C-alpha atoms as a PDB file:
ATOM      1  CA  UNK A   1      26.788  -3.110  28.047  1.00  0.00           C
ATOM      2  CA  UNK A   2      23.965  -3.395  25.193  1.00  0.00           C
ATOM      3  CA  UNK A   3      25.097  -3.258  21.804  1.00  0.00           C
ATOM      4  CA  UNK A   4      23.464  -1.187  19.058  1.00  0.00           C
ATOM      5  CA  UNK A   5      22.759  -3.343  16.431  1.00  0.00           C
ATOM      6  CA  UNK A   6      21.016  -2.801  12.820  1.00  0.00           C
ATOM      7  CA  UNK A   7      18.828  -5.470  11.162  1.00  0.00           C
ATOM      8  CA  UNK A   8      16.970  -5.504   8.292  1.00  0.00           C
ATOM      9  CA  UNK A   9      13.567  -7.382   7.101  1.00  0.00           C
ATOM     10  CA  UNK A  10      12.929  -7.748  10.872  1.00  0.00           C
ATOM     11  CA  UNK A  11       9.042  -7.566  10.518  1.00  0.00           C
ATOM     12  CA  UNK A  12       8.633 -11.061  10.505  1.00  0.00           C
ATOM     13  CA  UNK A  13      10.214 -14.540  10.491  1.00  0.00           C
ATOM     14  CA  UNK A  14      13.949 -14.926  11.480  1.00  0.00           C
ATOM     15  CA  UNK A  15      14.465 -11.284  11.614  1.00  0.00           C
ATOM     16  CA  UNK A  16      11.716 -10.692  14.092  1.00  0.00           C
ATOM     17  CA  UNK A  17      12.572 -13.474  16.403  1.00  0.00           C
ATOM     18  CA  UNK A  18      16.324 -12.259  16.367  1.00  0.00           C
ATOM     19  CA  UNK A  19      15.246  -8.815  16.877  1.00  0.00           C
ATOM     20  CA  UNK A  20      13.118 -10.015  20.091  1.00  0.00           C
ATOM     21  CA  UNK A  21      15.518 -12.347  21.466  1.00  0.00           C
ATOM     22  CA  UNK A  22      18.307  -9.567  21.025  1.00  0.00           C
ATOM     23  CA  UNK A  23      16.302  -6.605  23.017  1.00  0.00           C
ATOM     24  CA  UNK A  24      15.737  -9.303  25.624  1.00  0.00           C
ATOM     25  CA  UNK A  25      19.455  -9.512  26.431  1.00  0.00           C
ATOM     26  CA  UNK A  26      19.352  -5.765  26.619  1.00  0.00           C
ATOM     27  CA  UNK A  27      20.669  -4.795  23.282  1.00  0.00           C
ATOM     28  CA  UNK A  28      19.368  -1.580  21.117  1.00  0.00           C
ATOM     29  CA  UNK A  29      17.892  -3.228  17.795  1.00  0.00           C
ATOM     30  CA  UNK A  30      16.870  -1.212  14.646  1.00  0.00           C
ATOM     31  CA  UNK A  31      14.683  -2.813  12.479  1.00  0.00           C
ATOM     32  CA  UNK A  32      15.035  -1.425   8.706  1.00  0.00           C
ATOM     33  CA  UNK A  33      12.174  -2.886   6.538  1.00  0.00           C
ATOM     34  CA  UNK A  34       9.794  -1.624   4.204  1.00  0.00           C
ATOM     35  CA  UNK A  35       6.672  -2.424   7.014  1.00  0.00           C
ATOM     36  CA  UNK A  36       6.551  -0.630  10.086  1.00  0.00           C
ATOM     37  CA  UNK A  37       6.860  -2.913  13.300  1.00  0.00           C
ATOM     38  CA  UNK A  38       6.917  -2.433  17.161  1.00  0.00           C
ATOM     39  CA  UNK A  39      10.038  -0.497  18.336  1.00  0.00           C
ATOM     40  CA  UNK A  40      12.868   0.949  16.914  1.00  0.00           C
ATOM     41  CA  UNK A  41      11.297   0.769  13.240  1.00  0.00           C
ATOM     42  CA  UNK A  42      12.899   2.822  10.152  1.00  0.00           C
ATOM     43  CA  UNK A  43      10.962   2.669   7.095  1.00  0.00           C
ATOM     44  CA  UNK A  44      13.896   1.335   4.463  1.00  0.00           C
ATOM     45  CA  UNK A  45      13.810   0.067   1.331  1.00  0.00           C
ATOM     46  CA  UNK A  46      16.779  -1.944   1.101  1.00  0.00           C
ATOM     47  CA  UNK A  47      17.484  -1.651  -2.584  1.00  0.00           C
ATOM     48  CA  UNK A  48      17.312   1.981  -1.815  1.00  0.00           C
ATOM     49  CA  UNK A  49      20.767   3.215  -1.419  1.00  0.00           C
ATOM     50  CA  UNK A  50      19.674   6.788  -0.346  1.00  0.00           C
ATOM     51  CA  UNK A  51      17.194   5.100   2.170  1.00  0.00           C
ATOM     52  CA  UNK A  52      19.824   3.006   3.796  1.00  0.00           C
ATOM     53  CA  UNK A  53      21.904   5.960   3.698  1.00  0.00           C
ATOM     54  CA  UNK A  54      19.740   8.211   5.698  1.00  0.00           C
ATOM     55  CA  UNK A  55      18.391   5.408   8.048  1.00  0.00           C
ATOM     56  CA  UNK A  56      22.119   4.617   8.973  1.00  0.00           C
ATOM     57  CA  UNK A  57      23.314   8.148   9.741  1.00  0.00           C
ATOM     58  CA  UNK A  58      20.070   8.572  11.863  1.00  0.00           C
ATOM     59  CA  UNK A  59      20.924   5.661  13.958  1.00  0.00           C
ATOM     60  CA  UNK A  60      24.604   6.722  14.408  1.00  0.00           C
ATOM     61  CA  UNK A  61      23.453  10.461  14.922  1.00  0.00           C
ATOM     62  CA  UNK A  62      21.213   9.380  17.785  1.00  0.00           C
ATOM     63  CA  UNK A  63      23.565   6.519  19.503  1.00  0.00           C
ATOM     64  CA  UNK A  64      27.072   7.608  18.385  1.00  0.00           C
ATOM     65  CA  UNK A  65      28.200   3.912  17.351  1.00  0.00           C
ATOM     66  CA  UNK A  66      26.898   1.066  15.389  1.00  0.00           C
ATOM     67  CA  UNK A  67      28.402  -2.546  16.671  1.00  0.00           C
ATOM     68  CA  UNK A  68      26.336  -4.943  14.761  1.00  0.00           C
ATOM     69  CA  UNK A  69      24.755  -5.216  11.481  1.00  0.00           C
ATOM     70  CA  UNK A  70      22.319  -8.211  10.738  1.00  0.00           C
ATOM     71  CA  UNK A  71      21.724  -8.674   6.739  1.00  0.00           C
ATOM     72  CA  UNK A  72      18.279 -10.449   7.114  1.00  0.00           C
ATOM     73  CA  UNK A  73      16.451  -8.950   4.264  1.00  0.00           C
ATOM     74  CA  UNK A  74      15.353 -11.732   1.310  1.00  0.00           C
ATOM     75  CA  UNK A  75      13.015 -13.071  -1.028  1.00  0.00           C
ATOM     76  CA  UNK A  76      12.587 -16.183  -3.115  1.00  0.00           C
ATOM     77  CA  UNK A  77      11.742 -16.860  -6.447  1.00  0.00           C
ATOM     78  CA  UNK A  78      11.341 -20.473  -8.087  1.00  0.00           C
ATOM     79  CA  UNK A  79      10.848 -22.147 -11.385  1.00  0.00           C
ATOM     80  CA  UNK A  80      12.830 -23.592 -14.132  1.00  0.00           C
ATOM     81  CA  UNK A  81      15.907 -21.222 -15.240  1.00  0.00           C
ATOM     82  CA  UNK A  82      14.796 -20.443 -18.892  1.00  0.00           C
ATOM     83  CA  UNK A  83      11.598 -19.569 -18.031  1.00  0.00           C
ATOM     84  CA  UNK A  84      12.479 -17.171 -15.434  1.00  0.00           C
ATOM     85  CA  UNK A  85      11.482 -13.150 -15.806  1.00  0.00           C
ATOM     86  CA  UNK A  86      14.832 -11.314 -15.894  1.00  0.00           C
ATOM     87  CA  UNK A  87      13.054  -8.368 -13.942  1.00  0.00           C
ATOM     88  CA  UNK A  88      12.351 -10.984 -11.154  1.00  0.00           C
ATOM     89  CA  UNK A  89      15.879 -12.488 -10.872  1.00  0.00           C
ATOM     90  CA  UNK A  90      17.108  -9.216 -10.901  1.00  0.00           C
ATOM     91  CA  UNK A  91      15.043  -7.655  -7.948  1.00  0.00           C
ATOM     92  CA  UNK A  92      15.844 -10.604  -6.005  1.00  0.00           C
ATOM     93  CA  UNK A  93      19.398  -9.953  -6.327  1.00  0.00           C
ATOM     94  CA  UNK A  94      18.777  -6.651  -5.493  1.00  0.00           C
ATOM     95  CA  UNK A  95      17.094  -7.674  -2.179  1.00  0.00           C
ATOM     96  CA  UNK A  96      19.290 -10.611  -1.403  1.00  0.00           C
ATOM     97  CA  UNK A  97      23.043  -9.589  -2.447  1.00  0.00           C
ATOM     98  CA  UNK A  98      22.796  -5.731  -3.362  1.00  0.00           C
ATOM     99  CA  UNK A  99      20.569  -4.784  -0.468  1.00  0.00           C
ATOM    100  CA  UNK A 100      23.205  -6.315   2.122  1.00  0.00           C
ATOM    101  CA  UNK A 101      26.287  -4.741   0.198  1.00  0.00           C
ATOM    102  CA  UNK A 102      24.714  -1.664   0.691  1.00  0.00           C
ATOM    103  CA  UNK A 103      23.852  -1.818   4.227  1.00  0.00           C
ATOM    104  CA  UNK A 104      27.644  -3.244   4.451  1.00  0.00           C
ATOM    105  CA  UNK A 105      29.034  -0.328   2.544  1.00  0.00           C
ATOM    106  CA  UNK A 106      26.946   2.693   4.859  1.00  0.00           C
ATOM    107  CA  UNK A 107      27.938   0.720   7.964  1.00  0.00           C
ATOM    108  CA  UNK A 108      31.542   0.190   7.974  1.00  0.00           C
ATOM    109  CA  UNK A 109      32.851   3.640   8.066  1.00  0.00           C
ATOM    110  CA  UNK A 110      30.768   4.007  11.746  1.00  0.00           C
ATOM    111  CA  UNK A 111      32.166   0.656  12.675  1.00  0.00           C
ATOM    112  CA  UNK A 112      35.452   1.636  12.126  1.00  0.00           C
ATOM    113  CA  UNK A 113      34.918   4.855  14.330  1.00  0.00           C
ATOM    114  CA  UNK A 114      33.430   3.046  17.096  1.00  0.00           C
ATOM    115  CA  UNK A 115      36.743   0.230  17.043  1.00  0.00           C
ATOM    116  CA  UNK A 116      35.244  -2.620  15.327  1.00  0.00           C
ATOM    117  CA  UNK A 117      32.066  -4.399  15.328  1.00  0.00           C
ATOM    118  CA  UNK A 118      30.191  -7.861  13.900  1.00  0.00           C
ATOM    119  CA  UNK A 119      28.592  -8.314  10.585  1.00  0.00           C
ATOM    120  CA  UNK A 120      26.305 -11.263  10.000  1.00  0.00           C
ATOM    121  CA  UNK A 121      24.900 -12.267   6.476  1.00  0.00           C
ATOM    122  CA  UNK A 122      21.721 -14.492   6.653  1.00  0.00           C
ATOM    123  CA  UNK A 123      22.703 -16.671   3.726  1.00  0.00           C
ATOM    124  CA  UNK A 124      20.790 -20.300   3.228  1.00  0.00           C
ATOM    125  CA  UNK A 125      21.675 -23.949   3.237  1.00  0.00           C
ATOM    126  CA  UNK A 126      20.848 -23.595  -0.512  1.00  0.00           C
ATOM    127  CA  UNK A 127      24.076 -21.693  -0.875  1.00  0.00           C
ATOM    128  CA  UNK A 128      25.813 -25.192  -0.004  1.00  0.00           C
ATOM    129  CA  UNK A 129      23.434 -27.474  -1.688  1.00  0.00           C
ATOM    130  CA  UNK A 130      22.006 -25.372  -4.764  1.00  0.00           C
ATOM    131  CA  UNK A 131      18.262 -26.740  -5.785  1.00  0.00           C
ATOM    132  CA  UNK A 132      16.885 -27.251  -9.236  1.00  0.00           C
ATOM    133  CA  UNK A 133      13.947 -24.833  -9.928  1.00  0.00           C
ATOM    134  CA  UNK A 134      15.240 -22.224  -6.900  1.00  0.00           C
ATOM    135  CA  UNK A 135      18.268 -21.424  -9.002  1.00  0.00           C
ATOM    136  CA  UNK A 136      18.518 -17.778  -8.494  1.00  0.00           C
ATOM    137  CA  UNK A 137      17.696 -17.735  -4.854  1.00  0.00           C
ATOM    138  CA  UNK A 138      20.642 -20.374  -4.579  1.00  0.00           C
ATOM    139  CA  UNK A 139      22.989 -18.193  -6.750  1.00  0.00           C
ATOM    140  CA  UNK A 140      22.095 -15.016  -4.745  1.00  0.00           C
ATOM    141  CA  UNK A 141      22.435 -16.875  -1.259  1.00  0.00           C
ATOM    142  CA  UNK A 142      25.777 -18.360  -2.639  1.00  0.00           C
ATOM    143  CA  UNK A 143      27.151 -14.874  -3.886  1.00  0.00           C
ATOM    144  CA  UNK A 144      26.284 -13.624  -0.383  1.00  0.00           C
ATOM    145  CA  UNK A 145      28.827 -16.155   1.171  1.00  0.00           C
ATOM    146  CA  UNK A 146      31.413 -15.402  -1.232  1.00  0.00           C
ATOM    147  CA  UNK A 147      30.937 -11.419  -0.519  1.00  0.00           C
ATOM    148  CA  UNK A 148      31.465 -12.407   3.294  1.00  0.00           C
ATOM    149  CA  UNK A 149      34.500 -14.453   2.861  1.00  0.00           C
ATOM    150  CA  UNK A 150      36.027 -11.776   0.793  1.00  0.00           C
ATOM    151  CA  UNK A 151      34.921  -8.974   3.099  1.00  0.00           C
ATOM    152  CA  UNK A 152      35.936 -11.064   6.224  1.00  0.00           C
ATOM    153  CA  UNK A 153      39.862 -10.719   5.149  1.00  0.00           C
ATOM    154  CA  UNK A 154      39.286  -6.775   4.026  1.00  0.00           C
ATOM    155  CA  UNK A 155      38.103  -5.739   7.362  1.00  0.00           C
ATOM    156  CA  UNK A 156      40.054  -7.900   9.725  1.00  0.00           C
ATOM    157  CA  UNK A 157      42.346  -5.253  10.551  1.00  0.00           C
ATOM    158  CA  UNK A 158      39.832  -3.143  11.794  1.00  0.00           C
ATOM    159  CA  UNK A 159      38.426  -5.467  14.514  1.00  0.00           C
ATOM    160  CA  UNK A 160      35.465  -6.164  12.304  1.00  0.00           C
ATOM    161  CA  UNK A 161      34.164  -9.551  12.277  1.00  0.00           C
ATOM    162  CA  UNK A 162      31.938 -10.983   9.345  1.00  0.00           C
ATOM    163  CA  UNK A 163      30.290 -14.680   9.557  1.00  0.00           C
ATOM    164  CA  UNK A 164      27.708 -16.185   7.556  1.00  0.00           C
ATOM    165  CA  UNK A 165      24.459 -18.103   8.834  1.00  0.00           C
ATOM    166  CA  UNK A 166      23.169 -20.703   6.512  1.00  0.00           C
ATOM    167  CA  UNK A 167      19.750 -21.640   7.851  1.00  0.00           C
ATOM    168  CA  UNK A 168      18.126 -24.990   6.453  1.00  0.00           C
ATOM    169  CA  UNK A 169      14.243 -25.226   6.054  1.00  0.00           C
ATOM    170  CA  UNK A 170      12.516 -22.778   8.966  1.00  0.00           C
ATOM    171  CA  UNK A 171       8.787 -22.155   9.301  1.00  0.00           C
ATOM    172  CA  UNK A 172       8.457 -18.603   8.155  1.00  0.00           C
ATOM    173  CA  UNK A 173       6.291 -16.283   5.648  1.00  0.00           C
ATOM    174  CA  UNK A 174       9.067 -17.005   3.531  1.00  0.00           C
ATOM    175  CA  UNK A 175       6.987 -19.525   1.898  1.00  0.00           C
ATOM    176  CA  UNK A 176       3.766 -17.919   1.142  1.00  0.00           C
ATOM    177  CA  UNK A 177       5.498 -15.102  -0.431  1.00  0.00           C
ATOM    178  CA  UNK A 178       7.979 -17.199  -2.783  1.00  0.00           C
ATOM    179  CA  UNK A 179       7.312 -15.469  -6.367  1.00  0.00           C
ATOM    180  CA  UNK A 180       6.420 -18.009  -8.777  1.00  0.00           C
ATOM    181  CA  UNK A 181       7.298 -18.232 -12.428  1.00  0.00           C
ATOM    182  CA  UNK A 182       3.976 -17.231 -14.671  1.00  0.00           C
ATOM    183  CA  UNK A 183       4.492 -20.586 -16.742  1.00  0.00           C
ATOM    184  CA  UNK A 184       7.460 -22.903 -17.162  1.00  0.00           C
ATOM    185  CA  UNK A 185       7.802 -24.611 -20.517  1.00  0.00           C
ATOM    186  CA  UNK A 186       6.076 -28.076 -20.992  1.00  0.00           C
ATOM    187  CA  UNK A 187       9.263 -29.820 -21.471  1.00  0.00           C
ATOM    188  CA  UNK A 188       9.495 -29.960 -17.838  1.00  0.00           C
ATOM    189  CA  UNK A 189       6.236 -31.924 -17.406  1.00  0.00           C
ATOM    190  CA  UNK A 190       5.366 -31.628 -13.355  1.00  0.00           C
ATOM    191  CA  UNK A 191       8.646 -31.920 -12.499  1.00  0.00           C
ATOM    192  CA  UNK A 192       8.672 -27.897 -11.498  1.00  0.00           C
ATOM    193  CA  UNK A 193       5.392 -28.165  -9.732  1.00  0.00           C
ATOM    194  CA  UNK A 194       6.374 -31.262  -7.552  1.00  0.00           C
ATOM    195  CA  UNK A 195       9.999 -29.719  -6.687  1.00  0.00           C
ATOM    196  CA  UNK A 196       8.587 -26.634  -5.452  1.00  0.00           C
ATOM    197  CA  UNK A 197       5.696 -28.593  -3.436  1.00  0.00           C
ATOM    198  CA  UNK A 198       8.687 -30.660  -1.637  1.00  0.00           C
ATOM    199  CA  UNK A 199      10.410 -27.338  -0.601  1.00  0.00           C
ATOM    200  CA  UNK A 200       7.432 -26.004   0.426  1.00  0.00           C
ATOM    201  CA  UNK A 201       6.567 -29.006   2.373  1.00  0.00           C
ATOM    202  CA  UNK A 202       9.942 -29.256   4.338  1.00  0.00           C
ATOM    203  CA  UNK A 203       9.730 -25.413   4.857  1.00  0.00           C
ATOM    204  CA  UNK A 204       6.358 -25.485   6.598  1.00  0.00           C
ATOM    205  CA  UNK A 205       7.319 -28.634   8.512  1.00  0.00           C
ATOM    206  CA  UNK A 206      10.996 -26.958   9.495  1.00  0.00           C
ATOM    207  CA  UNK A 207      12.560 -25.617  12.278  1.00  0.00           C
ATOM    208  CA  UNK A 208      11.147 -22.771  14.315  1.00  0.00           C
ATOM    209  CA  UNK A 209      13.090 -19.453  13.622  1.00  0.00           C
ATOM    210  CA  UNK A 210      14.091 -19.497  17.238  1.00  0.00           C
ATOM    211  CA  UNK A 211      16.723 -21.856  16.434  1.00  0.00           C
ATOM    212  CA  UNK A 212      18.510 -19.477  14.327  1.00  0.00           C
ATOM    213  CA  UNK A 213      17.568 -16.667  16.437  1.00  0.00           C
ATOM    214  CA  UNK A 214      19.635 -18.546  19.197  1.00  0.00           C
ATOM    215  CA  UNK A 215      22.531 -18.696  16.675  1.00  0.00           C
ATOM    216  CA  UNK A 216      22.545 -14.922  15.978  1.00  0.00           C
ATOM    217  CA  UNK A 217      22.353 -13.883  19.250  1.00  0.00           C
ATOM    218  CA  UNK A 218      25.367 -16.316  20.076  1.00  0.00           C
ATOM    219  CA  UNK A 219      27.283 -15.065  17.270  1.00  0.00           C
ATOM    220  CA  UNK A 220      26.676 -11.479  18.251  1.00  0.00           C
ATOM    221  CA  UNK A 221      28.337 -11.862  21.551  1.00  0.00           C
ATOM    222  CA  UNK A 222      31.135 -13.874  20.188  1.00  0.00           C
ATOM    223  CA  UNK A 223      34.866 -12.337  20.372  1.00  0.00           C
ATOM    224  CA  UNK A 224      35.951 -14.757  17.386  1.00  0.00           C
ATOM    225  CA  UNK A 225      32.959 -16.093  15.379  1.00  0.00           C
ATOM    226  CA  UNK A 226      33.303 -18.883  12.836  1.00  0.00           C
ATOM    227  CA  UNK A 227      33.478 -18.047   9.062  1.00  0.00           C
ATOM    228  CA  UNK A 228      30.013 -19.503   8.609  1.00  0.00           C
ATOM    229  CA  UNK A 229      27.273 -21.500  10.729  1.00  0.00           C
ATOM    230  CA  UNK A 230      25.278 -24.086   9.296  1.00  0.00           C
ATOM    231  CA  UNK A 231      21.603 -23.328  10.856  1.00  0.00           C
ATOM    232  CA  UNK A 232      20.322 -26.586  12.078  1.00  0.00           C
ATOM    233  CA  UNK A 233      22.050 -29.966  13.392  1.00  0.00           C
ATOM    234  CA  UNK A 234      20.907 -32.121  10.619  1.00  0.00           C
ATOM    235  CA  UNK A 235      22.162 -29.191   7.975  1.00  0.00           C
ATOM    236  CA  UNK A 236      25.540 -29.352   9.439  1.00  0.00           C
ATOM    237  CA  UNK A 237      25.682 -33.141   9.330  1.00  0.00           C
ATOM    238  CA  UNK A 238      24.752 -32.809   5.492  1.00  0.00           C
ATOM    239  CA  UNK A 239      27.308 -30.234   5.126  1.00  0.00           C
ATOM    240  CA  UNK A 240      30.162 -32.551   6.992  1.00  0.00           C
ATOM    241  CA  UNK A 241      28.690 -35.611   4.689  1.00  0.00           C
ATOM    242  CA  UNK A 242      29.222 -33.373   1.831  1.00  0.00           C
ATOM    243  CA  UNK A 243      32.780 -32.484   2.682  1.00  0.00           C
ATOM    244  CA  UNK A 244      33.481 -36.560   2.637  1.00  0.00           C
ATOM    245  CA  UNK A 245      31.202 -37.564  -0.282  1.00  0.00           C
ATOM    246  CA  UNK A 246      32.210 -37.176  -4.156  1.00  0.00           C
ATOM    247  CA  UNK A 247      30.417 -33.822  -5.154  1.00  0.00           C
ATOM    248  CA  UNK A 248      28.865 -35.848  -8.312  1.00  0.00           C
ATOM    249  CA  UNK A 249      27.133 -38.044  -5.637  1.00  0.00           C
ATOM    250  CA  UNK A 250      25.692 -35.231  -3.453  1.00  0.00           C
ATOM    251  CA  UNK A 251      24.493 -33.322  -6.693  1.00  0.00           C
ATOM    252  CA  UNK A 252      22.728 -36.602  -7.633  1.00  0.00           C
ATOM    253  CA  UNK A 253      21.153 -37.580  -4.292  1.00  0.00           C
ATOM    254  CA  UNK A 254      19.928 -33.353  -4.381  1.00  0.00           C
ATOM    255  CA  UNK A 255      18.704 -34.302  -8.139  1.00  0.00           C
ATOM    256  CA  UNK A 256      16.733 -37.596  -6.895  1.00  0.00           C
ATOM    257  CA  UNK A 257      14.836 -35.118  -4.119  1.00  0.00           C
ATOM    258  CA  UNK A 258      14.114 -32.544  -6.014  1.00  0.00           C
ATOM    259  CA  UNK A 259      14.997 -32.745  -9.528  1.00  0.00           C
END
């Protein structure tokens, strides 16, 4: 029997691809995003608790259950930490972290009524490998992973599974939508521009969103999903190396590439 699935930010990129894949598998998928999309779309700002509350209730009232939640909505900012606008940093955490929190908080009571469910939080490889000049994005995704780990322990007695997906570089619209600092102090020279250029090049030459979409589909159907999944084989290998190499050396390599 197909599942009732809620996904945020599925108007493009990973979310859109995952939604299409899940629908092809016979699941009923609701996209909560600001931009309208074909299919089951409810206009929702994930930073608005009231929007989320109304959307989740609407879905439950219609379907009678919610089997899975995919927290996919996200945004990025880049630039030196000391030159980052506080409003931009807060806005990004509102979307990447508190948006997921708002959805989780509203979905959990319905999942308990349904006898369980699965929550998939789309984090980033940057949560494990924090990048210079993208510190706040890395921090928000790391915070989401920590939230997932704590939540997994809290809701285990209710048959609710929680897993983080940490994609590496994926070719999507995310790159062009990144918010950049209006200026960065001259003491950094051209390091910020070079670092962001490398990130954007890697993203535009990254894996197709279908790679992550297939991971999400597999997790939704898994009875015992792992705590986290690295998105892409090369990133899984990097994660393995990070476990056996000294942390200082790993940070040194990241600094040489992006610093």
